[in-house]
Structures are given as C-alpha cells and as structure tokens.
Amino acid sequence: MTEMIPAAKPIIGDEEREAVDRVLRSGMIAGGPEVAAFESEFSELVSGRHSIAVNSGTSALHMAFVAAGIKAGDEVIVPSFTFAATANSVVLAGGTPVFADIEQDYFNMDPKAAEAAITPRTRALMPVHLYGHPAAMREYKDIAARHNLLLFEDAAQAHAAALDDIPVGAWGVAASFSFYPTKNMTSGEGGMVTTPCDHIARKTKLLRNQGMEKRYENEIAGYNTRMTDIHAAIGRVQLKKLAGWTKQRQDNAKFLDDNLKGVVVPPVAPGATHVYHQYTIRVVDQDRDKFAEEIGKRGIGSGVYYPIPNHRLPSYGLTLDLPVTEQVAKQCLSLPVHPSLSQSDLEKIVEVINSVASAGA
C-alpha cells in the first residue's frame, strides 16, 4: 500500500503534554490563570488589542457579533466561499448573511462585489482571510467608513498573517480566530475574539460566562463559551512555536510555487503575508475531483475547501449570481503544506502533481 502524505497533520509534543499535566496537577481546570495568560500573550500577535478566549472559533464569531450589537434585521455581507460557520454566526446573532462574490486570485471576498451588495439594512462587513491569505483590508476599511458600517474579520485560518505589516485581527472592530486541531496552531479546540473596543471586550467576557463578571451577579443573559485552562495551556505552548511553523509553511509553499506545473499555484497579493493554512491550487484543465482521486492513489492527501458555496447549502438554499465563487468551488484543491513535511515529501508532491497534470493535459 502506498504511504499517504496527509493533507494536514496536527503537531502535539511533550511540551503540550507537560502543560496539560501542570494544569491537572494545579486543580484549576476552568477559568484560571492559564486562560488569562494565553489572552495576554495572544494580544501581542494583534498589535496589543484585547483578546478574549472562548471554546471554539464559531463561538468567537458568534460572541463578537452579539457583543457588537448585531441583531434581527441587520445584514452582514460575507463571502459564500468559506466554511459555513462564517454565515451561521451571523444567523446565530440574529442577523442575515448577504453573500458576495470573491476574487479569483486570492479566494477572498471581492471589495467591489461587497460594496455593490450594500443595502439600507446593511450593518457590517466581514471578509474572511481564507486559507491564510489576508483579505483586502484597506479597501474594506474605506468601504466601512464611507457607508458607516462595522468591519469584522474572520481570521480563523490566518494566525500571524498580515497586510502591509498590520496583522490580521488588528483591522476591524472585532476579529475571530480558531484553534481547531488542523489550524496553524491549536489549543485542542478553542477560539479568540480580538477587539480594540473596551465595551466589546467586556461584553464578550460577560457573554462567554453566563452574563456575569462577578459570580452570581448576572448582568445580561449570556452563554457558556468559556475556554478551559487545559486548552489555554496547550495554546500557550503552540503560540510560542507559531513563528517557526509559519516560516516552514512559507518555505514549503515556495518550493511548491517554484516547481509545480500544469496547475494554478496561489499568488500572494502585494504587501500580503500569507501563512498558508492551506496551499490551494486551481485545477483548470481537468476534472478537479478526478485529479484529487488520482493523486490520492499515488499517496498525496488533499482537501476540497469548499465544494458547496454557503449560499447553495441546504441551510440557505439561495439562487445567486456569484460566478467566480461557482467556478473556484469546482477548481480548488488544497495540497499538503504543513510543517511536518520533509524535503522528500515535497519532492514527491511535486512529482505526483506534475505527472498527473501532464497526463491529463
């Protein structure tokens, strides 16, 4: 049997295990010092903004919208080419997601399409930094200012990405990160809300903890979306490793950029720091699914993110004219780029992709 190079590979080492053991020995499992330390350390990644840890990336999106006041009747413009949590979080907050088309090159929401989707009910914009490539945030800041809209960031896949040296998570009124196991860093499971706003930060803290800052003094109706100290301890270790892992992802991506043939490799926008949560090619001359099946037979794992755009999911079922989204959803294929790849792995990926691309040309 051909040994498979996996599309993703979480890295959990002895330091993470020791951190978990330390928490278990302490007896402080939930809401203790590890969460506060993780929040403080993560803030350094987002230009010193408030960071509030929660139990998942979806909770981070949800809490940010509720804390910022998104409510029934409010429209939030989002891309359709993303994970369903992006749009679902708008609905969970009571709002209505409005789907805009994407840019073909970078897979992120097209600012012109987003601006064209604005109506009198539009309250906010939320671009997604998809696959680790920052969205066109300068354009979005201008659009938000012109139309008096709130600007959010879905940064679930973009830890340490930046645009013009400004990190993602430091552009909008709030941003949301995910620490799911396959992300560029993990806490086992978890999320983080970042914001420059004292009010949003405090309300997010209330919302995650049943609406209370002081025990049994519930100020608002809240949720239970707290992060545990166990997860925070893992996240703190991983955060220290993030820079090295990011550099390895970027080096791996450069090797693939320089050597792959017969497919469209992912370009990087001027001024953008891409952190390659996914290395996503476009298969334009063959059937993408058959291409993925063929490279799988030869030991190369891959992933299709996302085959069904959000607007066509059964949960939304909309008929919209989003031509770039529809095209890209049929072409995208994510290849291994994770830090665990060896040089021989990279060479095998190139050999197999080029061979399959050549055979189908």
Protein backbone atom coordinates (compact mmCIF):
# COMPACT_ATOMS: atom_id res chain seq x y z
CA MET A 1 0.00 0.00 0.00
CA THR A 2 1.29 3.49 -0.89
CA GLU A 3 2.13 5.54 2.20
CA MET A 4 -0.07 8.64 2.30
CA ILE A 5 1.27 12.15 2.85
CA PRO A 6 -1.62 13.69 4.83
CA ALA A 7 -3.19 16.98 3.80
CA ALA A 8 -2.96 18.19 7.42
CA LYS A 9 -1.11 16.97 10.50
CA PRO A 10 -1.60 18.50 13.96
CA ILE A 11 1.65 18.69 15.95
CA ILE A 12 1.37 17.87 19.66
CA GLY A 13 4.61 17.36 21.53
CA ASP A 14 5.99 16.76 25.01
CA GLU A 15 5.74 20.45 25.94
CA GLU A 16 1.99 20.45 25.29
CA ARG A 17 1.56 17.27 27.33
CA GLU A 18 3.54 18.73 30.20
CA ALA A 19 1.42 21.90 30.08
CA VAL A 20 -1.76 19.82 30.38
CA ASP A 21 -0.27 17.83 33.28
CA ARG A 22 0.67 21.09 35.00
CA VAL A 23 -2.93 22.28 34.85
CA LEU A 24 -4.31 18.96 36.03
CA ARG A 25 -1.93 18.97 38.99
CA SER A 26 -2.96 22.52 39.89
CA GLY A 27 -6.65 21.70 40.26
CA MET A 28 -7.57 24.94 38.41
CA ILE A 29 -9.23 23.47 35.32
CA ALA A 30 -11.59 26.23 34.13
CA GLY A 31 -11.22 29.99 34.09
CA GLY A 32 -7.89 30.03 35.89
CA PRO A 33 -4.55 31.73 35.25
CA GLU A 34 -3.74 29.87 32.02
CA VAL A 35 -6.64 31.49 30.15
CA ALA A 36 -5.64 34.97 31.29
CA ALA A 37 -2.00 34.33 30.34
CA PHE A 38 -2.98 32.97 26.91
CA GLU A 39 -5.11 36.05 26.26
CA SER A 40 -2.28 38.39 27.24
CA GLU A 41 0.25 36.57 25.09
CA PHE A 42 -2.07 36.35 22.10
CA SER A 43 -2.65 40.11 22.26
CA GLU A 44 0.96 40.59 21.19
CA LEU A 45 0.04 38.94 17.88
CA VAL A 46 -2.68 41.54 17.17
CA SER A 47 -0.98 44.84 18.00
CA GLY A 48 -1.96 44.76 21.67
CA ARG A 49 -5.71 44.51 21.19
CA HIS A 50 -7.97 42.92 23.78
CA SER A 51 -8.05 39.14 23.36
CA ILE A 52 -10.87 37.09 24.84
CA ALA A 53 -10.59 33.29 24.75
CA VAL A 54 -13.65 31.14 24.07
CA ASN A 55 -14.34 27.47 23.41
CA SER A 56 -14.32 27.46 19.58
CA GLY A 57 -13.79 29.58 16.51
CA THR A 58 -17.53 29.53 15.84
CA SER A 59 -18.17 30.86 19.35
CA ALA A 60 -15.64 33.61 18.69
CA LEU A 61 -17.56 34.69 15.58
CA HIS A 62 -20.89 34.46 17.38
CA MET A 63 -19.77 36.29 20.55
CA ALA A 64 -18.17 39.09 18.52
CA PHE A 65 -21.39 39.78 16.61
CA VAL A 66 -23.57 39.72 19.72
CA ALA A 67 -21.15 41.89 21.69
CA ALA A 68 -21.02 44.45 18.87
CA GLY A 69 -24.82 44.63 18.73
CA ILE A 70 -25.69 42.72 15.55
CA LYS A 71 -29.39 41.89 15.84
CA ALA A 72 -32.51 40.87 13.94
CA GLY A 73 -32.93 42.92 10.76
CA ASP A 74 -29.22 43.62 10.39
CA GLU A 75 -27.49 42.42 7.24
CA VAL A 76 -23.84 41.37 7.31
CA ILE A 77 -22.03 40.98 4.00
CA VAL A 78 -19.86 37.85 3.87
CA PRO A 79 -18.32 35.64 1.19
CA SER A 80 -20.11 32.47 0.17
CA PHE A 81 -16.81 30.70 -0.49
CA THR A 82 -15.89 29.85 3.11
CA PHE A 83 -16.76 27.41 5.89
CA ALA A 84 -20.41 27.52 6.93
CA ALA A 85 -19.57 28.94 10.38
CA THR A 86 -18.94 32.34 8.77
CA ALA A 87 -22.57 32.77 7.72
CA ASN A 88 -24.00 30.66 10.55
CA SER A 89 -22.54 33.02 13.14
CA VAL A 90 -24.47 35.93 11.60
CA VAL A 91 -27.70 33.92 11.85
CA LEU A 92 -26.96 32.85 15.43
CA ALA A 93 -26.60 36.51 16.38
CA GLY A 94 -29.99 37.23 14.81
CA GLY A 95 -28.75 38.88 11.64
CA THR A 96 -28.96 37.99 7.95
CA PRO A 97 -25.89 37.00 5.92
CA VAL A 98 -25.68 38.57 2.48
CA PHE A 99 -23.32 36.70 0.18
CA ALA A 100 -20.85 38.46 -2.12
CA ASP A 101 -18.56 37.07 -4.80
CA ILE A 102 -14.81 36.54 -4.40
CA GLU A 103 -11.58 37.49 -6.16
CA GLN A 104 -10.31 34.62 -8.27
CA ASP A 105 -6.63 35.04 -7.44
CA TYR A 106 -6.75 35.23 -3.64
CA PHE A 107 -10.08 33.44 -2.93
CA ASN A 108 -11.18 36.29 -0.65
CA MET A 109 -14.32 38.40 -0.87
CA ASP A 110 -14.15 40.99 -3.66
CA PRO A 111 -14.46 44.52 -2.19
CA LYS A 112 -16.33 45.75 -5.27
CA ALA A 113 -18.84 42.92 -5.01
CA ALA A 114 -19.22 43.56 -1.29
CA GLU A 115 -19.87 47.27 -1.79
CA ALA A 116 -22.42 46.51 -4.51
CA ALA A 117 -24.31 44.30 -2.04
CA ILE A 118 -24.86 47.10 0.49
CA THR A 119 -28.50 47.96 1.23
CA PRO A 120 -30.17 50.25 3.79
CA ARG A 121 -30.25 47.25 6.14
CA THR A 122 -26.53 46.54 5.93
CA ARG A 123 -24.87 46.90 9.32
CA ALA A 124 -21.49 45.24 8.81
CA LEU A 125 -18.92 43.65 6.51
CA MET A 126 -16.95 40.54 7.37
CA PRO A 127 -14.27 39.42 4.92
CA VAL A 128 -12.56 36.09 5.55
CA HIS A 129 -8.77 35.75 5.42
CA LEU A 130 -9.23 32.48 3.57
CA TYR A 131 -6.51 29.81 3.57
CA GLY A 132 -4.24 32.23 5.48
CA HIS A 133 -4.13 34.99 2.84
CA PRO A 134 -5.23 38.39 4.19
CA ALA A 135 -8.27 40.00 2.61
CA ALA A 136 -8.10 43.46 1.03
CA MET A 137 -8.49 45.23 4.36
CA ARG A 138 -7.55 48.77 3.29
CA GLU A 139 -10.39 48.71 0.76
CA TYR A 140 -12.73 47.31 3.38
CA LYS A 141 -11.83 49.99 5.90
CA ASP A 142 -12.61 52.62 3.26
CA ILE A 143 -15.94 51.00 2.36
CA ALA A 144 -16.92 50.69 6.01
CA ALA A 145 -16.06 54.34 6.64
CA ARG A 146 -17.97 55.59 3.58
CA HIS A 147 -21.11 53.66 4.47
CA ASN A 148 -20.87 53.89 8.28
CA LEU A 149 -20.59 50.12 8.68
CA LEU A 150 -18.94 47.90 11.25
CA LEU A 151 -15.94 45.92 9.97
CA PHE A 152 -15.33 42.41 11.31
CA GLU A 153 -12.64 39.89 10.39
CA ASP A 154 -12.98 36.13 10.14
CA ALA A 155 -9.35 35.26 10.90
CA ALA A 156 -9.99 31.60 11.76
CA GLN A 157 -7.34 30.42 9.28
CA ALA A 158 -4.88 33.29 9.45
CA HIS A 159 -2.83 33.33 12.66
CA ALA A 160 0.14 35.70 12.09
CA ALA A 161 -0.94 36.75 8.59
CA ALA A 162 -0.56 40.44 7.83
CA LEU A 163 -1.15 43.13 5.23
CA ASP A 164 1.33 45.98 4.93
CA ASP A 165 2.80 44.79 8.24
CA ILE A 166 -0.53 45.22 10.06
CA PRO A 167 -1.56 41.82 11.45
CA VAL A 168 -4.94 40.32 10.69
CA GLY A 169 -7.07 40.65 13.77
CA ALA A 170 -5.98 44.28 14.12
CA TRP A 171 -8.07 45.89 11.38
CA GLY A 172 -11.75 45.75 12.29
CA VAL A 173 -13.97 46.39 15.28
CA ALA A 174 -13.55 42.71 16.14
CA ALA A 175 -11.87 39.62 14.73
CA SER A 176 -12.27 35.93 15.41
CA PHE A 177 -9.61 33.21 15.41
CA SER A 178 -9.95 29.43 15.64
CA PHE A 179 -7.69 26.91 17.40
CA TYR A 180 -9.21 23.80 15.87
CA PRO A 181 -6.66 20.94 15.69
CA THR A 182 -5.82 21.42 11.99
CA LYS A 183 -5.26 25.18 12.23
CA ASN A 184 -1.74 26.67 12.11
CA MET A 185 -1.77 26.49 15.89
CA THR A 186 -4.20 24.68 18.15
CA SER A 187 -5.39 24.61 21.73
CA GLY A 188 -7.10 21.27 21.13
CA GLU A 189 -10.27 23.26 20.49
CA GLY A 190 -10.94 26.94 21.07
CA GLY A 191 -11.22 30.43 19.68
CA MET A 192 -10.24 34.03 20.36
CA VAL A 193 -12.03 37.34 19.89
CA THR A 194 -9.77 40.35 19.39
CA THR A 195 -11.00 43.93 19.55
CA PRO A 196 -9.73 47.47 20.25
CA CYS A 197 -13.06 48.33 21.92
CA ASP A 198 -13.32 48.19 25.71
CA HIS A 199 -17.11 47.77 25.53
CA ILE A 200 -16.99 44.85 23.09
CA ALA A 201 -14.23 43.21 25.11
CA ARG A 202 -16.15 43.43 28.37
CA LYS A 203 -19.42 42.30 26.82
CA THR A 204 -17.69 39.32 25.18
CA LYS A 205 -16.34 38.32 28.59
CA LEU A 206 -19.85 38.58 30.03
CA LEU A 207 -21.40 36.62 27.18
CA ARG A 208 -18.96 33.72 27.46
CA ASN A 209 -19.63 33.35 31.20
CA GLN A 210 -23.42 33.30 31.61
CA GLY A 211 -23.54 37.11 31.60
CA MET A 212 -21.57 37.59 34.80
CA GLU A 213 -18.28 39.16 35.75
CA LYS A 214 -18.82 38.55 39.48
CA ARG A 215 -20.15 35.17 40.48
CA TYR A 216 -23.94 35.03 40.70
CA GLU A 217 -24.26 38.70 39.69
CA ASN A 218 -25.55 38.05 36.16
CA GLU A 219 -25.73 41.37 34.30
CA ILE A 220 -27.07 40.07 30.98
CA ALA A 221 -28.34 36.80 29.52
CA GLY A 222 -25.21 35.00 28.41
CA TYR A 223 -23.80 31.71 27.22
CA ASN A 224 -21.28 29.18 28.43
CA THR A 225 -18.50 29.50 25.86
CA ARG A 226 -15.53 29.64 28.21
CA MET A 227 -12.15 28.19 27.35
CA THR A 228 -10.69 25.81 29.91
CA ASP A 229 -7.24 26.18 31.41
CA ILE A 230 -6.31 22.84 29.83
CA HIS A 231 -6.95 24.22 26.34
CA ALA A 232 -5.31 27.55 27.14
CA ALA A 233 -2.17 25.79 28.38
CA ILE A 234 -1.87 23.93 25.07
CA GLY A 235 -2.48 27.17 23.19
CA ARG A 236 0.27 28.99 25.08
CA VAL A 237 2.83 26.36 24.09
CA GLN A 238 1.69 26.37 20.48
CA LEU A 239 1.77 30.16 20.30
CA LYS A 240 5.50 30.09 21.09
CA LYS A 241 6.02 27.71 18.15
CA LEU A 242 3.84 29.60 15.69
CA ALA A 243 6.55 31.78 14.15
CA GLY A 244 8.78 28.80 13.34
CA TRP A 245 5.89 26.77 11.97
CA THR A 246 4.75 29.72 9.85
CA LYS A 247 8.21 30.10 8.33
CA GLN A 248 8.24 26.39 7.50
CA ARG A 249 4.84 26.62 5.83
CA GLN A 250 6.04 29.58 3.78
CA ASP A 251 9.23 27.75 2.78
CA ASN A 252 7.21 24.68 1.80
CA ALA A 253 4.85 26.85 -0.23
CA LYS A 254 7.75 28.49 -2.06
CA PHE A 255 9.13 25.09 -3.06
CA LEU A 256 5.73 24.14 -4.43
CA ASP A 257 5.37 27.52 -6.18
CA ASP A 258 8.73 27.09 -7.87
CA ASN A 259 8.23 23.51 -9.01
CA LEU A 260 4.59 22.69 -9.68
CA LYS A 261 3.45 22.67 -13.30
CA GLY A 262 0.12 22.28 -15.05
CA VAL A 263 -1.92 23.79 -12.19
CA VAL A 264 -2.51 27.36 -10.99
CA VAL A 265 -0.49 27.97 -7.82
CA PRO A 266 -1.78 30.51 -5.27
CA PRO A 267 -0.43 34.03 -5.85
CA VAL A 268 0.27 36.43 -2.99
CA ALA A 269 -1.01 39.99 -3.13
CA PRO A 270 1.43 42.91 -2.85
CA GLY A 271 2.12 43.68 0.80
CA ALA A 272 0.46 40.46 1.99
CA THR A 273 2.00 37.95 4.40
CA HIS A 274 0.41 34.60 3.54
CA VAL A 275 0.62 31.98 6.31
CA TYR A 276 -0.63 29.05 4.20
CA HIS A 277 -3.19 27.42 6.42
CA GLN A 278 -3.92 25.73 3.13
CA TYR A 279 -1.83 25.62 -0.04
CA THR A 280 -4.67 25.80 -2.54
CA ILE A 281 -4.13 25.28 -6.25
CA ARG A 282 -6.69 25.55 -9.03
CA VAL A 283 -7.09 22.60 -11.38
CA VAL A 284 -8.33 24.25 -14.56
CA ASP A 285 -7.59 21.75 -17.36
CA GLN A 286 -9.02 18.60 -15.76
CA ASP A 287 -11.84 17.48 -13.53
CA ARG A 288 -10.72 18.50 -10.04
CA ASP A 289 -12.32 15.56 -8.25
CA LYS A 290 -10.77 13.01 -10.59
CA PHE A 291 -7.43 14.81 -10.21
CA ALA A 292 -7.70 14.53 -6.41
CA GLU A 293 -8.61 10.87 -6.68
CA GLU A 294 -5.62 10.17 -8.91
CA ILE A 295 -3.06 11.89 -6.69
CA GLY A 296 -4.58 10.09 -3.71
CA LYS A 297 -3.88 6.77 -5.38
CA ARG A 298 -0.25 7.85 -5.56
CA GLY A 299 0.00 8.82 -1.90
CA ILE A 300 -0.76 12.54 -1.85
CA GLY A 301 -3.52 13.62 0.50
CA SER A 302 -5.60 16.65 -0.44
CA GLY A 303 -8.71 18.52 0.56
CA VAL A 304 -11.52 20.35 -1.21
CA TYR A 305 -12.44 23.51 0.71
CA TYR A 306 -15.24 24.26 -0.13
CA PRO A 307 -17.15 22.22 -2.73
CA ILE A 308 -20.57 23.71 -1.97
CA PRO A 309 -20.65 27.51 -1.54
CA ASN A 310 -22.59 28.68 1.51
CA HIS A 311 -25.45 30.18 -0.49
CA ARG A 312 -26.24 26.76 -2.02
CA LEU A 313 -26.13 24.80 1.24
CA PRO A 314 -29.48 23.33 2.31
CA SER A 315 -29.44 25.69 5.30
CA TYR A 316 -29.63 28.70 2.95
CA GLY A 317 -30.72 27.35 -0.46
CA LEU A 318 -30.31 30.63 -2.35
CA THR A 319 -30.04 31.19 -6.08
CA LEU A 320 -27.46 33.93 -6.56
CA ASP A 321 -25.22 35.13 -9.37
CA LEU A 322 -21.76 34.52 -7.90
CA PRO A 323 -19.82 33.34 -10.97
CA VAL A 324 -16.29 33.41 -9.54
CA THR A 325 -17.40 31.57 -6.41
CA GLU A 326 -19.08 28.88 -8.50
CA GLN A 327 -16.05 28.48 -10.76
CA VAL A 328 -13.48 28.35 -7.99
CA ALA A 329 -15.56 25.86 -5.98
CA LYS A 330 -15.11 23.43 -8.87
CA GLN A 331 -11.36 24.05 -9.28
CA CYS A 332 -9.81 24.43 -5.83
CA LEU A 333 -7.68 21.69 -4.33
CA SER A 334 -5.60 22.05 -1.18
CA LEU A 335 -2.28 20.20 -1.03
CA PRO A 336 -0.10 19.35 2.00
CA VAL A 337 1.95 22.34 3.19
CA HIS A 338 2.17 21.65 6.95
CA PRO A 339 5.46 21.93 8.88
CA SER A 340 5.84 18.15 9.24
CA LEU A 341 6.65 17.71 5.54
CA SER A 342 10.16 16.52 4.74
CA GLN A 343 12.09 17.51 1.64
CA SER A 344 11.37 14.08 0.18
CA ASP A 345 7.66 14.63 0.88
CA LEU A 346 7.76 17.92 -1.00
CA GLU A 347 9.59 16.34 -3.91
CA LYS A 348 7.04 13.54 -4.05
CA ILE A 349 4.16 16.03 -4.04
CA VAL A 350 5.73 17.87 -6.98
CA GLU A 351 6.47 14.66 -8.87
CA VAL A 352 2.93 13.32 -8.49
CA ILE A 353 1.13 16.59 -9.22
CA ASN A 354 3.23 17.29 -12.30
CA SER A 355 2.77 13.76 -13.56
CA VAL A 356 -1.00 13.77 -13.14
CA ALA A 357 -1.30 17.27 -14.59
CA SER A 358 0.80 16.28 -17.59
CA ALA A 359 -1.15 13.08 -18.21
CA GLY A 360 -4.43 14.96 -18.29
CA ALA A 361 -3.28 17.92 -20.36
